[in-house]
């Protein structure tokens, strides 16, 4: 998954485009926040992508692994930019 790829949501049929190159983001879940209460800093690093839905213009950030489950890649962008 790369910037410019056209995606289709498998459940809703909505189209979206990836608008950023993938990057590494720290994701925190409930157990990480619980650990923070006791002075520990923990998180999981995973690849993130930002998409924009065509119909609504809403932008969302997803873990790439989650996005691969939710979306079909309709067209892959072959440009390197």
N, C-alpha and C. Protein backbone atom coordinates (compact mmCIF):
# COMPACT_ATOMS: atom_id res chain seq x y z
N UNK A 1 0.85 -1.18 0.00
CA UNK A 1 0.00 0.00 0.00
C UNK A 1 0.90 1.24 0.00
N UNK A 2 0.64 2.12 -0.98
CA UNK A 2 1.45 3.32 -1.13
C UNK A 2 0.57 4.53 -1.43
N UNK A 3 1.15 5.69 -1.28
CA UNK A 3 0.44 6.93 -1.59
C UNK A 3 -0.10 6.89 -3.01
N UNK A 4 -1.37 7.25 -3.16
CA UNK A 4 -2.00 7.30 -4.47
C UNK A 4 -2.81 6.06 -4.82
N UNK A 5 -2.69 4.99 -4.04
CA UNK A 5 -3.47 3.77 -4.32
C UNK A 5 -4.96 4.04 -4.11
N UNK A 6 -5.78 3.52 -5.01
CA UNK A 6 -7.23 3.62 -4.91
C UNK A 6 -7.74 2.39 -4.17
N UNK A 7 -8.53 2.61 -3.13
CA UNK A 7 -9.05 1.53 -2.29
C UNK A 7 -10.56 1.49 -2.34
N UNK A 8 -11.11 0.29 -2.09
CA UNK A 8 -12.56 0.14 -1.97
C UNK A 8 -12.84 -0.63 -0.68
N UNK A 9 -13.67 -0.05 0.18
CA UNK A 9 -14.04 -0.69 1.44
C UNK A 9 -14.84 -1.94 1.14
N UNK A 10 -14.43 -3.07 1.71
CA UNK A 10 -15.07 -4.35 1.42
C UNK A 10 -16.50 -4.42 1.94
N UNK A 11 -16.81 -3.70 3.03
CA UNK A 11 -18.15 -3.76 3.60
C UNK A 11 -19.10 -2.72 3.03
N UNK A 12 -18.63 -1.49 2.89
CA UNK A 12 -19.53 -0.40 2.49
C UNK A 12 -19.48 -0.07 1.00
N UNK A 13 -18.41 -0.49 0.33
CA UNK A 13 -18.25 -0.16 -1.08
C UNK A 13 -17.72 1.23 -1.33
N UNK A 14 -17.40 1.98 -0.27
CA UNK A 14 -16.88 3.34 -0.43
C UNK A 14 -15.47 3.31 -1.00
N UNK A 15 -15.17 4.33 -1.81
CA UNK A 15 -13.84 4.46 -2.39
C UNK A 15 -13.02 5.45 -1.58
N UNK A 16 -11.72 5.20 -1.52
CA UNK A 16 -10.80 6.08 -0.80
C UNK A 16 -9.45 6.03 -1.49
N UNK A 17 -8.62 7.03 -1.21
CA UNK A 17 -7.27 7.09 -1.75
C UNK A 17 -6.30 7.26 -0.60
N UNK A 18 -5.17 6.56 -0.68
CA UNK A 18 -4.12 6.75 0.31
C UNK A 18 -3.45 8.08 0.02
N UNK A 19 -3.38 8.96 1.01
CA UNK A 19 -2.88 10.32 0.77
C UNK A 19 -1.51 10.59 1.38
N UNK A 20 -0.91 9.60 2.03
CA UNK A 20 0.45 9.75 2.56
C UNK A 20 1.24 8.48 2.28
N UNK A 21 2.55 8.63 2.27
CA UNK A 21 3.39 7.44 2.23
C UNK A 21 3.28 6.74 3.58
N UNK A 22 3.39 5.43 3.64
CA UNK A 22 3.35 4.73 4.92
C UNK A 22 4.47 5.22 5.85
N UNK A 23 4.18 5.27 7.14
CA UNK A 23 5.17 5.65 8.14
C UNK A 23 4.96 4.79 9.39
N UNK A 24 5.93 4.83 10.28
CA UNK A 24 5.83 4.06 11.52
C UNK A 24 5.21 4.95 12.59
N UNK A 25 4.19 4.43 13.25
CA UNK A 25 3.45 5.17 14.28
C UNK A 25 3.38 4.30 15.53
N UNK A 26 3.42 4.93 16.69
CA UNK A 26 3.23 4.22 17.94
C UNK A 26 1.74 4.17 18.26
N UNK A 27 1.24 2.98 18.46
CA UNK A 27 -0.17 2.76 18.77
C UNK A 27 -0.28 2.30 20.22
N UNK A 28 -1.21 2.85 20.96
CA UNK A 28 -1.42 2.45 22.35
C UNK A 28 -2.80 1.82 22.50
N UNK A 29 -2.85 0.71 23.23
CA UNK A 29 -4.13 0.09 23.53
C UNK A 29 -4.41 0.24 25.03
N UNK A 30 -5.48 -0.37 25.50
CA UNK A 30 -5.87 -0.22 26.90
C UNK A 30 -4.79 -0.66 27.87
N UNK A 31 -4.10 -1.75 27.55
CA UNK A 31 -3.06 -2.23 28.47
C UNK A 31 -1.89 -1.24 28.55
N UNK A 32 -1.60 -0.55 27.44
CA UNK A 32 -0.54 0.47 27.47
C UNK A 32 -0.93 1.64 28.35
N UNK A 33 -2.19 2.06 28.28
CA UNK A 33 -2.64 3.17 29.12
C UNK A 33 -2.67 2.76 30.59
N UNK A 34 -3.00 1.50 30.84
CA UNK A 34 -2.99 0.99 32.22
C UNK A 34 -1.55 1.01 32.76
N UNK A 35 -0.60 0.58 31.95
CA UNK A 35 0.81 0.61 32.36
C UNK A 35 1.27 2.03 32.63
N UNK A 36 0.78 3.00 31.83
CA UNK A 36 1.16 4.41 32.03
C UNK A 36 0.71 4.92 33.40
N UNK A 37 -0.40 4.40 33.91
CA UNK A 37 -0.86 4.80 35.24
C UNK A 37 0.16 4.46 36.31
N UNK A 38 0.97 3.41 36.05
CA UNK A 38 1.98 2.96 37.01
C UNK A 38 3.38 3.42 36.64
N UNK A 39 3.47 4.35 35.70
CA UNK A 39 4.76 4.95 35.37
C UNK A 39 5.53 4.29 34.25
N UNK A 40 4.93 3.33 33.57
CA UNK A 40 5.61 2.67 32.46
C UNK A 40 5.12 3.26 31.14
N UNK A 41 6.04 3.42 30.22
CA UNK A 41 5.68 3.93 28.90
C UNK A 41 5.80 2.78 27.91
N UNK A 42 4.70 2.36 27.35
CA UNK A 42 4.75 1.27 26.37
C UNK A 42 3.77 1.56 25.24
N UNK A 43 4.10 1.02 24.08
CA UNK A 43 3.27 1.16 22.89
C UNK A 43 3.73 0.11 21.88
N UNK A 44 2.96 -0.06 20.84
CA UNK A 44 3.31 -0.98 19.76
C UNK A 44 3.57 -0.15 18.51
N UNK A 45 4.70 -0.41 17.87
CA UNK A 45 5.03 0.28 16.63
C UNK A 45 4.45 -0.52 15.46
N UNK A 46 3.78 0.19 14.55
CA UNK A 46 3.22 -0.46 13.36
C UNK A 46 3.18 0.56 12.22
N UNK A 47 3.13 0.05 11.01
CA UNK A 47 3.05 0.90 9.83
C UNK A 47 1.65 1.52 9.75
N UNK A 48 1.62 2.83 9.48
CA UNK A 48 0.36 3.57 9.39
C UNK A 48 0.21 4.15 7.98
N UNK A 49 -1.05 4.30 7.56
CA UNK A 49 -1.36 5.01 6.31
C UNK A 49 -2.54 5.95 6.59
N UNK A 50 -2.59 7.04 5.85
CA UNK A 50 -3.71 7.97 5.96
C UNK A 50 -4.47 7.93 4.65
N UNK A 51 -5.79 7.75 4.79
CA UNK A 51 -6.65 7.69 3.60
C UNK A 51 -7.66 8.83 3.63
N UNK A 52 -8.20 9.13 2.46
CA UNK A 52 -9.27 10.12 2.34
C UNK A 52 -10.40 9.46 1.56
N UNK A 53 -11.60 9.44 2.19
CA UNK A 53 -12.78 8.90 1.52
C UNK A 53 -13.25 9.89 0.46
N UNK A 54 -13.56 9.41 -0.73
CA UNK A 54 -13.95 10.28 -1.84
C UNK A 54 -15.28 10.99 -1.60
N UNK A 55 -16.27 10.27 -1.14
CA UNK A 55 -17.61 10.83 -1.02
C UNK A 55 -17.72 11.91 0.06
N UNK A 56 -17.07 11.68 1.20
CA UNK A 56 -17.23 12.59 2.34
C UNK A 56 -16.04 13.52 2.56
N UNK A 57 -14.87 13.14 2.04
CA UNK A 57 -13.66 13.93 2.28
C UNK A 57 -13.04 13.68 3.65
N UNK A 58 -13.59 12.73 4.39
CA UNK A 58 -13.07 12.41 5.72
C UNK A 58 -11.73 11.71 5.58
N UNK A 59 -10.75 12.13 6.41
CA UNK A 59 -9.44 11.52 6.44
C UNK A 59 -9.32 10.67 7.70
N UNK A 60 -8.72 9.47 7.55
CA UNK A 60 -8.52 8.57 8.69
C UNK A 60 -7.16 7.92 8.60
N UNK A 61 -6.59 7.64 9.76
CA UNK A 61 -5.32 6.93 9.84
C UNK A 61 -5.61 5.49 10.28
N UNK A 62 -5.04 4.53 9.57
CA UNK A 62 -5.22 3.12 9.88
C UNK A 62 -3.87 2.44 10.03
N UNK A 63 -3.83 1.40 10.85
CA UNK A 63 -2.70 0.48 10.77
C UNK A 63 -2.79 -0.18 9.40
N UNK A 64 -1.65 -0.34 8.75
CA UNK A 64 -1.66 -0.94 7.42
C UNK A 64 -2.26 -2.34 7.47
N UNK A 65 -1.96 -3.10 8.51
CA UNK A 65 -2.49 -4.46 8.61
C UNK A 65 -4.01 -4.47 8.69
N UNK A 66 -4.60 -3.50 9.37
CA UNK A 66 -6.06 -3.38 9.46
C UNK A 66 -6.63 -2.93 8.12
N UNK A 67 -5.97 -1.98 7.47
CA UNK A 67 -6.43 -1.48 6.18
C UNK A 67 -6.45 -2.60 5.14
N UNK A 68 -5.47 -3.49 5.18
CA UNK A 68 -5.44 -4.61 4.23
C UNK A 68 -6.63 -5.54 4.42
N UNK A 69 -7.13 -5.64 5.65
CA UNK A 69 -8.31 -6.47 5.91
C UNK A 69 -9.59 -5.77 5.47
N UNK A 70 -9.63 -4.43 5.61
CA UNK A 70 -10.85 -3.66 5.35
C UNK A 70 -11.04 -3.27 3.89
N UNK A 71 -9.94 -3.13 3.15
CA UNK A 71 -10.01 -2.56 1.81
C UNK A 71 -9.43 -3.51 0.76
N UNK A 72 -9.98 -3.43 -0.45
CA UNK A 72 -9.38 -4.03 -1.64
C UNK A 72 -8.62 -2.92 -2.35
N UNK A 73 -7.45 -3.25 -2.89
CA UNK A 73 -6.70 -2.29 -3.69
C UNK A 73 -7.24 -2.39 -5.11
N UNK A 74 -7.85 -1.29 -5.59
CA UNK A 74 -8.43 -1.27 -6.93
C UNK A 74 -7.37 -0.91 -7.95
N UNK A 75 -6.61 0.13 -7.68
CA UNK A 75 -5.55 0.59 -8.57
C UNK A 75 -4.34 0.94 -7.74
N UNK A 76 -3.20 0.39 -8.10
CA UNK A 76 -1.96 0.72 -7.41
C UNK A 76 -1.28 1.86 -8.14
N UNK A 77 -0.80 2.82 -7.38
CA UNK A 77 -0.06 3.94 -7.96
C UNK A 77 1.34 3.45 -8.29
N UNK A 78 1.77 3.63 -9.53
CA UNK A 78 3.09 3.16 -9.94
C UNK A 78 4.11 4.28 -9.93
N UNK A 79 3.69 5.53 -9.68
CA UNK A 79 4.63 6.64 -9.56
C UNK A 79 5.43 6.50 -8.29
N UNK A 80 6.68 6.93 -8.31
CA UNK A 80 7.51 6.88 -7.11
C UNK A 80 7.36 8.14 -6.28
N UNK A 81 6.67 9.16 -6.76
CA UNK A 81 6.51 10.42 -6.01
C UNK A 81 5.35 10.35 -5.10
